[in-house]
Structures are given as structure tokens and as C-alpha cells.
Protein backbone atom coordinates (compact mmCIF):
# COMPACT_ATOMS: atom_id res chain seq x y z
CA MET A 1 89.34 6.28 198.42
CA ASP A 2 86.38 8.61 197.54
CA ILE A 3 87.88 11.18 200.00
CA LEU A 4 91.07 11.67 198.42
CA GLY A 5 89.20 11.71 194.81
CA SER A 6 86.97 14.63 196.18
CA GLU A 7 90.21 16.41 197.83
CA ARG A 8 92.08 15.83 194.17
CA ASN A 9 89.29 17.82 192.74
CA TYR A 10 88.90 20.50 195.28
CA THR A 11 92.38 21.04 194.77
CA LYS A 12 92.55 20.86 191.01
CA ASN A 13 89.03 23.70 191.25
CA LEU A 14 91.08 25.60 193.84
CA ILE A 15 94.33 25.62 191.50
CA ARG A 16 92.16 26.80 188.39
CA ASP A 17 90.28 29.50 190.03
CA LEU A 18 93.43 30.78 191.24
CA LYS A 19 94.96 30.90 187.48
CA GLU A 20 91.80 32.45 186.35
CA GLN A 21 92.32 35.01 189.16
CA ASN A 22 95.92 35.41 188.58
CA LYS A 23 95.07 36.20 185.03
CA ARG A 24 92.01 38.83 185.25
CA LEU A 25 94.34 40.77 188.15
CA LYS A 26 97.48 40.96 185.08
CA LYS A 27 94.94 42.72 182.95
CA GLU A 28 93.43 44.70 185.29
CA LEU A 29 96.85 45.91 186.49
CA THR A 30 97.45 45.98 182.92
CA ASP A 31 94.80 48.06 181.56
CA LEU A 32 95.34 51.07 184.30
CA THR A 33 98.70 51.06 183.67
CA GLY A 34 97.81 52.25 180.17
CA LYS A 35 95.14 54.65 181.48
CA VAL A 36 97.68 56.05 183.73
CA TYR A 37 100.12 56.32 180.60
CA SER A 38 97.62 58.31 178.48
CA GLY A 39 96.37 60.20 180.62
CA ALA A 40 99.93 61.60 180.89
CA THR A 41 99.97 61.86 176.88
CA VAL A 42 96.70 63.75 176.91
CA LEU A 43 98.05 66.24 179.85
CA ASP A 44 101.57 66.44 178.63
CA GLU A 45 100.68 67.42 175.25
CA VAL A 46 100.18 70.99 176.08
CA THR A 47 104.19 71.50 176.02
CA LYS A 48 105.32 68.27 173.72
CA ARG A 49 103.95 68.32 169.71
CA ASN A 50 103.50 65.05 167.82
CA VAL A 51 102.79 63.03 170.73
CA PRO A 52 100.14 60.30 170.28
CA LEU A 53 96.91 60.16 172.11
CA ASN A 54 96.67 56.77 172.91
CA LEU A 55 92.77 55.06 171.61
CA GLU A 56 90.91 52.53 173.15
CA SER A 57 88.67 50.46 171.73
CA PRO A 58 85.75 49.90 173.89
CA SER A 59 84.28 46.39 173.49
CA ALA A 60 86.49 45.35 170.78
CA SER A 61 84.73 47.71 168.26
CA PRO A 62 86.51 48.91 165.25
CA GLY A 63 86.45 52.51 166.25
CA ALA A 64 88.78 53.49 168.74
CA VAL A 65 87.87 56.79 170.64
CA PRO A 66 90.35 59.07 173.03
CA ILE A 67 89.91 58.06 176.91
CA GLN A 68 88.00 61.00 178.75
CA THR A 69 90.52 63.24 180.73
CA THR A 70 89.48 65.60 182.88
CA VAL A 71 90.30 69.52 181.08
CA PRO A 72 93.53 71.27 183.13
CA GLN A 73 92.84 74.23 184.37
CA VAL A 74 94.32 77.38 183.00
CA ASN A 75 95.38 80.35 184.71
CA PRO A 76 94.55 83.71 183.35
CA ALA A 77 98.00 84.98 183.90
CA SER A 78 99.26 82.12 181.45
CA ILE A 79 97.13 83.61 178.15
CA ILE A 80 99.48 86.67 178.38
CA ASP A 81 102.46 84.72 179.51
CA PRO A 82 104.63 83.87 176.40
CA ILE A 83 105.84 81.02 178.11
CA GLY A 84 102.54 79.74 179.82
CA GLU A 85 100.50 76.93 178.69
CA VAL A 86 97.89 78.81 176.79
CA GLN A 87 100.88 80.51 174.17
CA LEU A 88 102.98 76.61 174.47
CA SER A 89 99.59 75.41 173.55
CA ARG A 90 98.89 77.75 170.61
CA ILE A 91 102.48 77.12 169.64
CA ALA A 92 102.23 73.61 169.59
CA GLN A 93 98.63 73.48 167.54
CA ALA A 94 100.63 76.03 164.93
CA GLN A 95 103.22 73.48 164.91
CA GLN A 96 100.94 70.63 164.19
CA TYR A 97 99.26 72.68 161.65
CA ARG A 98 102.00 73.39 159.47
CA ASP A 99 103.22 69.96 160.12
CA MET A 100 99.78 68.51 158.66
CA LEU A 101 99.76 71.35 155.83
CA ASP A 102 103.61 69.55 155.07
CA ALA A 103 102.21 66.09 154.91
CA ASN A 104 98.92 66.47 152.68
CA ARG A 105 101.39 68.85 150.21
CA ARG A 106 103.61 65.89 150.29
CA PHE A 107 100.40 63.34 150.16
CA SER A 108 99.14 65.62 147.15
CA GLU A 109 102.72 65.21 145.37
CA ASP A 110 102.70 61.53 145.55
CA ASP A 111 98.84 61.52 144.88
CA PHE A 112 99.29 63.54 141.50
CA ARG A 113 102.38 60.94 140.67
CA ILE A 114 99.98 57.91 141.23
CA ARG A 115 97.16 59.33 139.40
CA GLU A 116 99.53 60.46 136.13
CA GLN A 117 101.20 57.20 136.37
CA PHE A 118 97.87 55.69 136.54
CA GLY A 119 96.72 57.78 133.59
CA LYS A 120 99.86 56.78 131.72
CA ASN A 121 99.20 53.19 132.02
CA GLU A 122 95.25 53.89 131.03
CA LEU A 123 96.70 55.33 128.33
CA LEU A 124 99.22 52.90 127.15
CA ARG A 125 96.63 50.50 127.51
CA GLN A 126 93.68 51.82 125.57
CA LEU A 127 96.63 52.20 122.94
CA ALA A 128 97.68 48.80 123.02
CA GLY A 129 93.92 47.59 122.51
CA ALA A 130 93.45 50.34 119.55
CA ASP A 131 96.63 48.67 118.02
CA ARG A 132 95.07 45.31 118.89
CA ARG A 133 91.69 45.92 116.96
CA GLN A 134 93.67 47.66 114.36
CA ARG A 135 95.60 44.27 113.31
CA ILE A 136 92.87 42.78 113.76
CA MET A 137 90.92 44.91 111.27
CA THR A 138 93.78 44.50 108.66
CA ARG A 139 94.02 40.82 108.91
CA GLY A 140 90.58 40.84 107.80
CA THR A 141 90.47 43.34 105.46
CA MET A 142 93.08 41.17 103.81
CA LEU A 143 91.26 37.68 103.76
CA GLN A 144 88.22 39.92 102.55
CA GLN A 145 90.60 41.09 99.92
CA GLY A 146 92.15 37.71 99.30
CA GLN A 147 89.00 35.99 99.20
CA LEU A 148 87.55 38.43 96.59
CA GLY A 149 90.59 37.85 94.79
CA ALA A 150 89.66 34.28 94.45
CA GLN A 151 86.28 34.31 93.61
CA SER A 152 87.15 36.73 91.12
CA MET A 153 89.89 34.27 89.56
CA GLY A 154 87.44 31.70 89.52
CA GLN A 155 84.66 33.00 87.63
CA GLN A 156 87.18 34.58 84.90
CA SER A 157 88.41 30.93 84.98
CA ARG A 158 84.85 29.33 84.49
CA ALA A 159 84.34 31.96 81.52
CA ASN A 160 87.79 31.61 80.26
CA VAL A 161 86.67 27.38 80.16
CA GLY A 162 83.44 28.29 79.05
CA THR A 163 84.82 30.25 76.30
CA ILE A 164 87.40 27.68 75.11
CA LEU A 165 84.52 25.15 74.80
CA ALA A 166 82.62 26.65 72.98
CA GLN A 167 85.21 27.66 70.31
CA THR A 168 85.24 25.31 67.28
CA PRO A 169 88.55 23.50 67.43
CA VAL A 170 90.56 24.86 64.21
CA TYR A 171 93.25 22.38 62.82
CA GLN A 172 96.04 22.97 60.81
């Protein structure tokens, strides 16, 4: 019975180890595939524009860094060749620069609209606050004037009562 139990545990441990090894190998295969693809992307950027550079994050840090690849060797004759690697790279960089300028212009327009709307909203908020304060002040002034009027009327009525009581009655 004890032999069967140890054999069963050995089999379970073996299966678990094989599953972990399978997971590790799949992860390594995925990593290698990503590195091959990203390396091809970096080397292919000479002739294509707007190809994103694959970034990987070392040790799960929030800042991603580009994968290091070797710098391609440039043929000196391709510098003056109109369809050479260097000229194509310069054309691609110029197009990317124009694209960035266009994107920046569009962003600036959107940014201006957002700032303008924010300014309008802030002005409306300030005006609403001023209106509220004005209404509160008007109500306070009206209340104060009403109280002063009531006080004045009370003083006048007491003076009238005093005057009436001080007079001698006249009988006819």
C-alpha cells in the first residue's frame, strides 16, 4: 500500500513538473517570436513609414524601452542613390516629421477648442456666482429696509400714542 502511494505521488510530481516545463517553454517561444518580429520591424522601418517600434518592459516596469538591435551597415554608394537606403530613410523621416507636425497642429486646434470651452465654462460659472451673490445682497438689502421701515413705523406709532395720551380729552 505504501509503495502505491509513493508511486502515485511520484507520478503527480512528474506531471506537475512537466506542466511547469511546458508553460516555461511556451513562454520562451512567445518571447523569441516577439523578439524576431520586433527585430524585423526595426530593420524594415527604413522603407516603411509609421511602423511602430515594438517595446518591451523589462521586469514589468512602467517605462518601456526599445529592443536593442544591430545597426545596419550602410553602403556609401546608397547615400547619393535616389532610391538607396539612406535617401529612403530621409524621405521616411521627412514624412514622419510632416505627420508629426500635422498631428501637432490638429492637437493644437483641439487644445485651443478645449481651452476656449473651459474659459467659457469658467466665465459662466463666475457669472452665475456673481448673480447669486447679487440676489443674496438684494434680498438682504430688502430685508434690512423692511426692518428699518417697521422700526420707524413702531417709533412713530409709539410717539403718536404718547401724543394722544398726553392730550386732554375734549368733549363736545
